Protein backbone atom coordinates (compact mmCIF):
# COMPACT_ATOMS: atom_id res chain seq x y z
CA UNK A 1 -54.26 24.11 26.79
CA UNK A 2 -52.26 21.20 28.26
CA UNK A 3 -53.41 19.83 31.61
CA UNK A 4 -50.12 20.12 33.53
CA UNK A 5 -51.63 18.13 36.41
CA UNK A 6 -52.86 15.26 34.22
CA UNK A 7 -52.98 12.11 36.36
CA UNK A 8 -50.92 9.65 34.35
CA UNK A 9 -52.02 6.05 34.81
CA UNK A 10 -49.36 3.47 35.65
CA UNK A 11 -47.49 2.27 32.56
CA UNK A 12 -48.95 -1.22 33.08
CA UNK A 13 -52.54 -0.01 33.48
CA UNK A 14 -53.71 -0.20 29.86
CA UNK A 15 -52.42 -3.77 29.52
CA UNK A 16 -53.74 -5.01 32.85
CA UNK A 17 -57.15 -3.48 32.17
CA UNK A 18 -57.63 -5.85 29.22
CA UNK A 19 -59.61 -9.05 29.99
CA UNK A 20 -57.43 -11.89 31.27
CA UNK A 21 -58.38 -14.23 28.44
CA UNK A 22 -57.60 -11.59 25.79
CA UNK A 23 -54.16 -10.94 27.31
CA UNK A 24 -53.35 -14.65 27.41
CA UNK A 25 -54.41 -15.13 23.81
CA UNK A 26 -52.44 -12.09 22.64
CA UNK A 27 -49.24 -13.40 24.24
CA UNK A 28 -49.75 -16.92 22.89
CA UNK A 29 -50.47 -15.70 19.36
CA UNK A 30 -47.54 -13.26 19.37
CA UNK A 31 -45.09 -15.85 20.72
CA UNK A 32 -46.00 -18.30 17.94
CA UNK A 33 -45.63 -15.60 15.27
CA UNK A 34 -42.38 -13.95 16.42
CA UNK A 35 -40.51 -14.85 13.22
CA UNK A 36 -43.21 -13.22 11.09
CA UNK A 37 -43.47 -10.13 13.30
CA UNK A 38 -39.74 -9.41 13.52
CA UNK A 39 -38.60 -10.60 10.10
CA UNK A 40 -36.07 -8.10 8.75
CA UNK A 41 -36.19 -5.86 11.81
CA UNK A 42 -33.04 -4.32 13.29
CA UNK A 43 -31.66 -5.80 16.51
CA UNK A 44 -28.45 -7.15 17.99
CA UNK A 45 -30.39 -9.36 20.44
CA UNK A 46 -29.81 -13.03 19.64
CA UNK A 47 -31.99 -14.53 22.37
CA UNK A 48 -35.20 -12.59 23.00
CA UNK A 49 -38.12 -11.15 21.05
CA UNK A 50 -41.25 -9.45 22.33
CA UNK A 51 -44.30 -11.71 22.50
CA UNK A 52 -46.54 -8.62 22.39
CA UNK A 53 -46.16 -4.88 21.88
CA UNK A 54 -46.36 -2.31 24.70
CA UNK A 55 -49.87 -0.90 25.19
CA UNK A 56 -51.10 2.61 26.01
CA UNK A 57 -54.55 4.14 26.27
CA UNK A 58 -55.51 6.70 23.62
CA UNK A 59 -56.05 9.55 26.09
CA UNK A 60 -52.59 9.25 27.64
CA UNK A 61 -51.00 9.01 24.20
CA UNK A 62 -52.81 12.17 23.10
CA UNK A 63 -51.62 14.09 26.18
CA UNK A 64 -48.07 12.76 25.71
CA UNK A 65 -48.03 14.09 22.14
CA UNK A 66 -49.35 17.48 23.26
CA UNK A 67 -46.63 17.76 25.91
CA UNK A 68 -44.02 16.64 23.34
CA UNK A 69 -45.10 19.33 20.91
CA UNK A 70 -45.14 22.12 23.47
CA UNK A 71 -41.74 21.25 24.91
CA UNK A 72 -40.25 21.18 21.40
CA UNK A 73 -41.64 24.67 20.83
CA UNK A 74 -40.15 25.86 24.14
CA UNK A 75 -36.74 24.39 23.25
CA UNK A 76 -36.83 26.18 19.91
CA UNK A 77 -37.80 29.46 21.59
CA UNK A 78 -34.93 29.08 24.09
CA UNK A 79 -32.54 28.82 21.13
CA UNK A 80 -34.25 31.63 19.24
CA UNK A 81 -33.92 34.00 22.20
CA UNK A 82 -30.15 33.57 21.92
CA UNK A 83 -29.54 33.26 18.19
CA UNK A 84 -31.16 34.50 14.99
CA UNK A 85 -29.37 32.36 12.42
CA UNK A 86 -27.88 28.90 12.18
CA UNK A 87 -24.42 30.44 12.27
CA UNK A 88 -25.20 32.41 15.43
CA UNK A 89 -26.41 29.22 17.11
CA UNK A 90 -23.46 27.17 15.88
CA UNK A 91 -20.99 29.65 17.32
CA UNK A 92 -22.91 29.89 20.60
CA UNK A 93 -22.82 26.11 20.95
CA UNK A 94 -19.11 26.01 20.21
CA UNK A 95 -19.55 23.87 17.09
CA UNK A 96 -16.66 24.30 14.67
CA UNK A 97 -17.40 25.46 11.12
CA UNK A 98 -17.78 22.41 8.90
CA UNK A 99 -18.46 20.00 11.76
CA UNK A 100 -22.17 19.97 10.91
CA UNK A 101 -22.19 19.16 7.21
CA UNK A 102 -24.57 20.91 4.79
CA UNK A 103 -25.18 23.79 7.22
CA UNK A 104 -25.90 27.28 5.88
CA UNK A 105 -24.69 29.74 8.52
CA UNK A 106 -26.93 32.47 7.10
CA UNK A 107 -30.15 30.47 7.41
CA UNK A 108 -32.66 32.16 9.76
CA UNK A 109 -33.96 30.00 12.62
CA UNK A 110 -37.65 29.42 11.95
CA UNK A 111 -40.29 27.01 13.18
CA UNK A 112 -39.88 25.04 9.94
CA UNK A 113 -37.03 23.34 11.81
CA UNK A 114 -39.66 21.64 14.00
CA UNK A 115 -41.09 19.61 11.12
CA UNK A 116 -39.62 16.43 12.60
CA UNK A 117 -38.83 15.52 16.19
CA UNK A 118 -38.86 12.58 18.56
CA UNK A 119 -38.16 13.01 22.26
CA UNK A 120 -36.79 10.20 24.40
CA UNK A 121 -39.19 9.77 27.30
CA UNK A 122 -38.84 7.74 30.48
CA UNK A 123 -41.76 7.23 32.83
CA UNK A 124 -40.58 7.81 36.40
CA UNK A 125 -43.00 7.44 39.31
CA UNK A 126 -45.71 7.34 36.65
CA UNK A 127 -44.81 10.71 35.07
CA UNK A 128 -43.16 11.07 31.62
CA UNK A 129 -39.76 12.72 31.85
CA UNK A 130 -38.20 14.05 28.64
CA UNK A 131 -34.47 13.28 28.89
CA UNK A 132 -33.48 14.14 25.28
CA UNK A 133 -34.96 15.63 22.11
CA UNK A 134 -34.07 14.39 18.64
CA UNK A 135 -34.97 17.22 16.27
CA UNK A 136 -33.99 16.34 12.72
CA UNK A 137 -35.08 14.45 9.62
CA UNK A 138 -32.75 11.55 10.50
CA UNK A 139 -35.03 9.96 13.09
CA UNK A 140 -34.48 6.22 13.03
CA UNK A 141 -36.77 3.39 14.04
CA UNK A 142 -39.92 4.58 12.27
CA UNK A 143 -40.12 1.68 9.80
CA UNK A 144 -39.31 -0.93 12.45
CA UNK A 145 -41.85 0.54 14.88
CA UNK A 146 -44.57 0.75 12.24
CA UNK A 147 -43.92 -2.72 10.89
CA UNK A 148 -43.77 -4.65 14.16
CA UNK A 149 -46.96 -3.24 15.67
CA UNK A 150 -48.91 -3.63 12.42
CA UNK A 151 -47.75 -7.22 12.10
CA UNK A 152 -48.87 -7.89 15.67
CA UNK A 153 -52.30 -6.42 14.88
CA UNK A 154 -52.55 -8.62 11.77
CA UNK A 155 -51.71 -11.68 13.89
CA UNK A 156 -54.46 -10.68 16.35
CA UNK A 157 -56.91 -10.19 13.49
CA UNK A 158 -56.24 -13.69 12.15
CA UNK A 159 -56.90 -15.10 15.61
CA UNK A 160 -60.17 -13.18 16.00
CA UNK A 161 -58.85 -11.00 18.82
CA UNK A 162 -59.73 -7.72 17.09
CA UNK A 163 -63.37 -8.93 16.97
CA UNK A 164 -63.35 -9.30 20.76
CA UNK A 165 -61.73 -5.97 21.67
CA UNK A 166 -60.48 -2.83 19.92
CA UNK A 167 -56.74 -3.09 19.27
CA UNK A 168 -55.13 -0.51 16.97
CA UNK A 169 -51.62 0.39 15.90
CA UNK A 170 -50.61 3.96 16.70
CA UNK A 171 -50.64 6.32 13.66
CA UNK A 172 -48.02 5.44 11.06
CA UNK A 173 -44.72 7.32 11.42
CA UNK A 174 -43.74 6.27 7.90
CA UNK A 175 -46.90 7.69 6.31
CA UNK A 176 -46.92 10.87 8.35
CA UNK A 177 -43.28 11.61 7.56
CA UNK A 178 -43.88 11.33 3.81
CA UNK A 179 -46.93 13.58 4.11
CA UNK A 180 -44.80 16.13 5.96
CA UNK A 181 -42.09 15.96 3.28
CA UNK A 182 -44.63 16.40 0.49
CA UNK A 183 -46.41 19.29 2.20
CA UNK A 184 -43.33 20.94 3.71
CA UNK A 185 -41.52 21.13 0.36
CA UNK A 186 -44.76 21.73 -1.64
CA UNK A 187 -43.89 18.86 -3.96
CA UNK A 188 -46.11 18.00 -6.92
CA UNK A 189 -47.59 14.55 -7.39
CA UNK A 190 -44.99 12.13 -8.69
CA UNK A 191 -41.99 14.14 -7.49
CA UNK A 192 -38.82 12.04 -7.43
CA UNK A 193 -37.42 12.14 -3.90
CA UNK A 194 -34.14 10.55 -2.82
CA UNK A 195 -34.00 9.05 0.66
CA UNK A 196 -30.30 9.32 1.49
CA UNK A 197 -28.51 6.93 3.83
CA UNK A 198 -24.91 6.62 4.96
CA UNK A 199 -24.18 2.93 4.43
CA UNK A 200 -20.82 3.30 6.20
CA UNK A 201 -22.58 4.16 9.48
CA UNK A 202 -23.09 1.65 12.30
CA UNK A 203 -26.59 0.19 12.15
CA UNK A 204 -27.78 -3.41 11.78
CA UNK A 205 -28.01 -4.38 8.09
CA UNK A 206 -26.13 -1.48 6.52
CA UNK A 207 -23.22 -3.78 5.62
CA UNK A 208 -25.33 -5.10 2.70
CA UNK A 209 -26.76 -1.99 0.96
CA UNK A 210 -28.71 -3.78 -1.78
CA UNK A 211 -30.39 -6.15 0.66
CA UNK A 212 -31.15 -3.24 2.99
CA UNK A 213 -32.76 -1.35 0.10
CA UNK A 214 -34.85 -4.41 -0.81
CA UNK A 215 -36.06 -4.70 2.79
CA UNK A 216 -37.25 -1.09 2.52
CA UNK A 217 -39.46 -1.83 -0.50
CA UNK A 218 -42.64 -1.34 1.61
CA UNK A 219 -41.42 2.18 2.44
CA UNK A 220 -41.22 2.97 -1.27
CA UNK A 221 -44.79 1.69 -1.64
CA UNK A 222 -46.03 3.91 1.20
CA UNK A 223 -44.31 6.94 -0.38
CA UNK A 224 -46.05 6.17 -3.70
CA UNK A 225 -49.42 6.02 -1.92
CA UNK A 226 -48.72 9.58 -0.74
CA UNK A 227 -47.75 10.81 -4.21
CA UNK A 228 -43.95 10.55 -4.06
CA UNK A 229 -41.62 8.59 -6.34
CA UNK A 230 -39.10 7.50 -3.69
CA UNK A 231 -35.62 6.27 -4.56
CA UNK A 232 -33.36 4.97 -1.79
CA UNK A 233 -29.74 5.89 -2.40
CA UNK A 234 -26.35 5.80 -0.63
CA UNK A 235 -25.32 9.41 -0.07
CA UNK A 236 -21.79 8.44 -1.12
CA UNK A 237 -22.99 7.65 -4.67
CA UNK A 238 -24.62 11.01 -5.45
CA UNK A 239 -23.29 12.93 -8.43
CA UNK A 240 -24.04 16.16 -10.32
CA UNK A 241 -24.92 16.64 -13.97
CA UNK A 242 -23.69 19.52 -16.14
CA UNK A 243 -26.46 21.76 -14.76
CA UNK A 244 -25.51 20.98 -11.13
CA UNK A 245 -28.66 18.91 -10.68
CA UNK A 246 -28.33 16.14 -8.13
CA UNK A 247 -28.26 12.63 -9.62
CA UNK A 248 -29.34 9.60 -7.54
CA UNK A 249 -29.67 6.12 -8.98
CA UNK A 250 -29.09 7.35 -12.49
CA UNK A 251 -31.52 10.26 -12.74
CA UNK A 252 -32.12 13.77 -11.33
CA UNK A 253 -34.17 14.15 -8.17
CA UNK A 254 -36.67 16.84 -7.24
CA UNK A 255 -35.87 16.75 -3.51
CA UNK A 256 -33.86 14.85 -0.92
CA UNK A 257 -34.87 13.37 2.41
CA UNK A 258 -31.80 13.07 4.62
CA UNK A 259 -31.71 9.99 6.83
CA UNK A 260 -28.16 10.41 8.14
CA UNK A 261 -26.74 12.44 10.99
CA UNK A 262 -24.96 15.55 9.67
CA UNK A 263 -22.10 15.60 12.17
CA UNK A 264 -21.16 11.93 11.70
CA UNK A 265 -21.74 11.32 7.99
CA UNK A 266 -18.81 9.61 6.29
CA UNK A 267 -16.98 12.12 4.04
CA UNK A 268 -17.39 11.31 0.34
CA UNK A 269 -17.70 12.83 -3.11
CA UNK A 270 -21.44 12.20 -2.83
CA UNK A 271 -21.75 14.39 0.27
CA UNK A 272 -19.75 17.07 -1.54
CA UNK A 273 -22.14 16.83 -4.51
CA UNK A 274 -25.14 17.22 -2.21
CA UNK A 275 -23.53 20.24 -0.56
CA UNK A 276 -22.93 21.84 -3.97
CA UNK A 277 -26.51 21.22 -5.16
CA UNK A 278 -27.92 22.72 -1.96
CA UNK A 279 -25.60 25.69 -2.23
CA UNK A 280 -26.66 26.57 -5.78
CA UNK A 281 -30.32 25.81 -5.08
CA UNK A 282 -30.92 23.00 -7.58
CA UNK A 283 -32.49 20.70 -4.98
CA UNK A 284 -34.37 21.26 -1.69
CA UNK A 285 -33.67 19.10 1.37
CA UNK A 286 -35.95 17.93 4.16
CA UNK A 287 -34.84 19.01 6.74
CA UNK A 288 -32.18 21.67 7.00
CA UNK A 289 -29.26 20.54 9.17
CA UNK A 290 -29.88 23.60 11.35
CA UNK A 291 -32.48 21.38 13.04
CA UNK A 292 -29.62 19.28 14.37
CA UNK A 293 -28.32 22.32 16.27
CA UNK A 294 -31.72 22.89 17.91
CA UNK A 295 -31.46 19.32 19.25
CA UNK A 296 -28.21 20.09 21.08
CA UNK A 297 -28.75 19.23 24.76
CA UNK A 298 -27.43 22.63 25.75
CA UNK A 299 -30.96 23.84 24.98
CA UNK A 300 -32.20 21.82 27.99
CA UNK A 301 -29.95 23.89 30.23
CA UNK A 302 -31.18 27.09 28.56
CA UNK A 303 -34.77 25.97 29.04
CA UNK A 304 -34.21 25.53 32.77
CA UNK A 305 -32.36 28.86 32.96
CA UNK A 306 -35.39 30.55 31.38
CA UNK A 307 -38.14 28.56 33.09
CA UNK A 308 -39.02 31.00 35.87
CA UNK A 309 -39.57 33.75 33.30
CA UNK A 310 -42.03 31.70 31.25
CA UNK A 311 -45.82 31.84 31.62
CA UNK A 312 -46.92 29.77 34.62
CA UNK A 313 -48.26 26.87 32.54
CA UNK A 314 -45.03 26.53 30.54
CA UNK A 315 -42.88 26.91 33.66
CA UNK A 316 -44.80 24.12 35.40
CA UNK A 317 -44.61 21.94 32.28
CA UNK A 318 -40.81 22.25 32.23
CA UNK A 319 -40.46 21.60 35.94
CA UNK A 320 -42.69 18.53 35.83
CA UNK A 321 -41.50 16.88 32.65
CA UNK A 322 -37.87 17.98 32.03
CA UNK A 323 -35.17 16.84 34.48
CA UNK A 324 -33.16 19.77 35.81
CA UNK A 325 -30.19 20.41 33.54
CA UNK A 326 -27.05 22.57 33.73
CA UNK A 327 -24.04 23.14 31.52
CA UNK A 328 -21.23 21.17 33.14
CA UNK A 329 -18.55 23.71 34.07
CA UNK A 330 -15.65 23.67 36.51
CA UNK A 331 -17.79 25.78 38.87
CA UNK A 332 -20.24 22.87 39.16
CA UNK A 333 -17.69 20.18 40.00
CA UNK A 334 -18.24 20.30 43.77
CA UNK A 335 -21.98 19.81 43.25
CA UNK A 336 -21.39 17.05 40.72
CA UNK A 337 -19.21 15.14 43.18
CA UNK A 338 -21.48 15.70 46.18
CA UNK A 339 -24.65 14.66 44.31
CA UNK A 340 -23.11 11.87 42.23
CA UNK A 341 -25.93 9.35 42.71
CA UNK A 342 -28.53 11.82 41.47
CA UNK A 343 -26.75 13.06 38.35
CA UNK A 344 -25.86 12.07 34.79
CA UNK A 345 -23.19 13.72 32.60
CA UNK A 346 -23.82 13.71 28.83
CA UNK A 347 -22.10 15.22 25.79
CA UNK A 348 -24.37 17.99 24.57
CA UNK A 349 -24.13 16.88 20.94
CA UNK A 350 -23.91 13.12 21.56
CA UNK A 351 -26.25 10.26 20.75
CA UNK A 352 -26.68 6.50 21.29
CA UNK A 353 -25.36 6.73 24.86
CA UNK A 354 -21.77 7.46 23.82
CA UNK A 355 -19.58 9.06 26.55
CA UNK A 356 -22.49 9.22 29.02
CA UNK A 357 -21.60 8.92 32.71
CA UNK A 358 -24.35 7.74 35.07
CA UNK A 359 -23.37 8.75 38.57
CA UNK A 360 -24.91 5.88 40.50
CA UNK A 361 -23.31 3.33 38.15
CA UNK A 362 -19.78 4.75 38.49
CA UNK A 363 -17.08 4.22 41.05
CA UNK A 364 -16.49 7.43 43.01
CA UNK A 365 -13.03 7.99 41.53
CA UNK A 366 -14.20 7.22 38.00
CA UNK A 367 -17.06 9.71 38.33
CA UNK A 368 -14.86 12.44 39.83
CA UNK A 369 -12.25 12.08 37.10
CA UNK A 370 -14.86 11.78 34.35
CA UNK A 371 -16.83 14.89 35.25
CA UNK A 372 -13.62 16.88 35.69
CA UNK A 373 -12.43 15.91 32.21
CA UNK A 374 -15.87 16.74 30.80
CA UNK A 375 -15.98 20.14 32.54
CA UNK A 376 -12.50 21.07 31.37
CA UNK A 377 -13.16 19.89 27.83
CA UNK A 378 -16.54 21.64 27.64
CA UNK A 379 -19.62 20.66 25.68
CA UNK A 380 -21.22 18.48 28.37
CA UNK A 381 -24.41 18.85 30.37
CA UNK A 382 -25.22 17.72 33.89
CA UNK A 383 -28.74 16.38 34.30
CA UNK A 384 -30.80 14.99 37.17
CA UNK A 385 -30.91 11.20 37.03
CA UNK A 386 -34.30 9.82 36.00
CA UNK A 387 -35.11 6.38 37.36
CA UNK A 388 -37.21 4.60 34.75
CA UNK A 389 -40.23 2.69 35.98
CA UNK A 390 -40.23 -0.97 35.03
CA UNK A 391 -43.18 -2.24 33.02
CA UNK A 392 -44.41 -5.84 32.76
CA UNK A 393 -43.82 -7.30 29.30
CA UNK A 394 -43.88 -10.75 27.73
CA UNK A 395 -41.01 -12.28 25.76
CA UNK A 396 -40.29 -15.38 23.73
CA UNK A 397 -36.94 -17.13 23.96
CA UNK A 398 -36.12 -17.69 20.30
CA UNK A 399 -33.91 -20.70 21.08
CA UNK A 400 -36.45 -22.65 23.13
CA UNK A 401 -39.81 -21.06 22.26
CA UNK A 402 -40.45 -20.50 25.97
CA UNK A 403 -42.60 -17.50 26.92
CA UNK A 404 -41.35 -15.43 29.86
CA UNK A 405 -42.90 -12.46 31.68
CA UNK A 406 -40.58 -9.87 33.21
CA UNK A 407 -40.63 -6.33 34.56
CA UNK A 408 -38.17 -4.37 32.42
CA UNK A 409 -37.18 -0.74 31.78
CA UNK A 410 -38.55 0.90 28.69
CA UNK A 411 -38.61 4.21 26.93
CA UNK A 412 -41.14 5.70 24.57
CA UNK A 413 -40.16 8.01 21.74
CA UNK A 414 -43.24 9.62 20.14
CA UNK A 415 -42.77 10.88 16.59
CA UNK A 416 -44.24 14.17 15.43
CA UNK A 417 -43.93 15.04 11.74
CA UNK A 418 -45.35 18.31 10.48
CA UNK A 419 -46.36 18.88 14.14
CA UNK A 420 -48.77 15.92 13.85
CA UNK A 421 -48.61 12.79 16.06
CA UNK A 422 -47.11 9.86 14.16
CA UNK A 423 -46.87 6.83 16.42
CA UNK A 424 -43.93 5.99 18.62
CA UNK A 425 -40.79 3.89 18.80
CA UNK A 426 -40.63 1.83 21.98
CA UNK A 427 -37.31 0.55 23.26
CA UNK A 428 -37.59 -2.15 25.90
CA UNK A 429 -35.23 -4.13 28.00
CA UNK A 430 -35.42 -7.91 28.18
CA UNK A 431 -35.08 -10.56 30.92
CA UNK A 432 -31.77 -10.07 32.72
CA UNK A 433 -30.85 -6.82 30.94
CA UNK A 434 -29.10 -3.81 32.42
CA UNK A 435 -30.73 -0.38 32.47
CA UNK A 436 -29.14 1.07 29.30
CA UNK A 437 -31.62 1.15 26.43
CA UNK A 438 -29.78 1.26 23.12
CA UNK A 439 -29.38 -1.06 20.15
CA UNK A 440 -25.80 -2.01 20.99
CA UNK A 441 -26.97 -3.45 24.34
CA UNK A 442 -29.58 -5.68 22.69
CA UNK A 443 -32.59 -3.45 23.29
CA UNK A 444 -35.80 -4.56 21.55
CA UNK A 445 -37.77 -2.18 19.29
CA UNK A 446 -41.52 -2.10 18.78
CA UNK A 447 -44.33 0.21 17.88
CA UNK A 448 -47.18 1.11 20.22
CA UNK A 449 -50.57 -0.57 20.50
CA UNK A 450 -53.46 1.73 21.41
CA UNK A 451 -56.58 0.72 23.33
CA UNK A 452 -59.64 2.63 24.53
């Protein structure tokens, strides 16, 4: 049972509770080692790096994961009350046939679709608010989050800090995901699994596929430790043999792990080959693209529509942790205009902040015109604005080596694979940043450091 009234400590509490001398030594050691910690990690920021990772106490992290898991279940159930198959849900969401690639309309909606999810969470007035849910196999950031926090811990170990106080990286998202793939698909030891990427997508480093694949060599090693023979392959280069088996990097594969978004993947003969292999059943995929439909933000509006009919504990969980959400229709335009400063308009199937309107950051006329266009077009939600608490963090200026402390916005995105906690990806602002936390704006990525 989740304690709905859990008293969340301030986001800065776990850090400030550490001894002053330990904190000073952690920042100094991290600032000196920033090149080592962030080598090969994805960012567009050319000025700042974190001098230390964000810190959370183990109890709060455990409760956060429990809330994450329950809300994912409630989102799934809101969809399942309205649709029995992927096709039913696709039509209900207004998604055109073929827009979500690799989708089987006849697939029943089952809890197997919750094998991988990562909510986006903002702490507001000390309480975690779940503003989006990413439910799919294509959850980015896991390798970067794992790597940065483990490198920080290694730096602390070399400086004797882990002998003075317990400092641990959160559970590995990379390891837990491979365990979920192995167990979810019941793969035998040594199974050859293709991790498929769309190298024509926009993400730092994808412009050089071979270098990107070399950087991911530690991921291949972690997969091997968990019994999988992982091959990293561009989805565009997949082919079929005479028996319709899927060929990646010159040989058949036993399964595929999709690390691209199904409604934005670049069309190619390789995607067509994958679709054929899935259709004839010669290869299983983790996960089905039906999971992407469950992640549609329309489900947030359904969850709020259903909340008062849920058991009291679930109702209170939704009301406390999910900002109120509606489908943006013409009937809601008067409310949207009147409550502009307290609302955000988002495309229900969008990601990375594209086409999002934040009421308090818009001119009145821009907001009025934007929400009208969104309402008339359809496929947008209206959500209560969540003001993110700032958290004190320490940064190193990579041009001068100067260390700077600043209160910045941040978000935490806990991973759950196979319904098991698997660390978190932290996105933080930086000195002088605006409030939008995405890679294109120079946001910094890190994993999470846990303390007693």
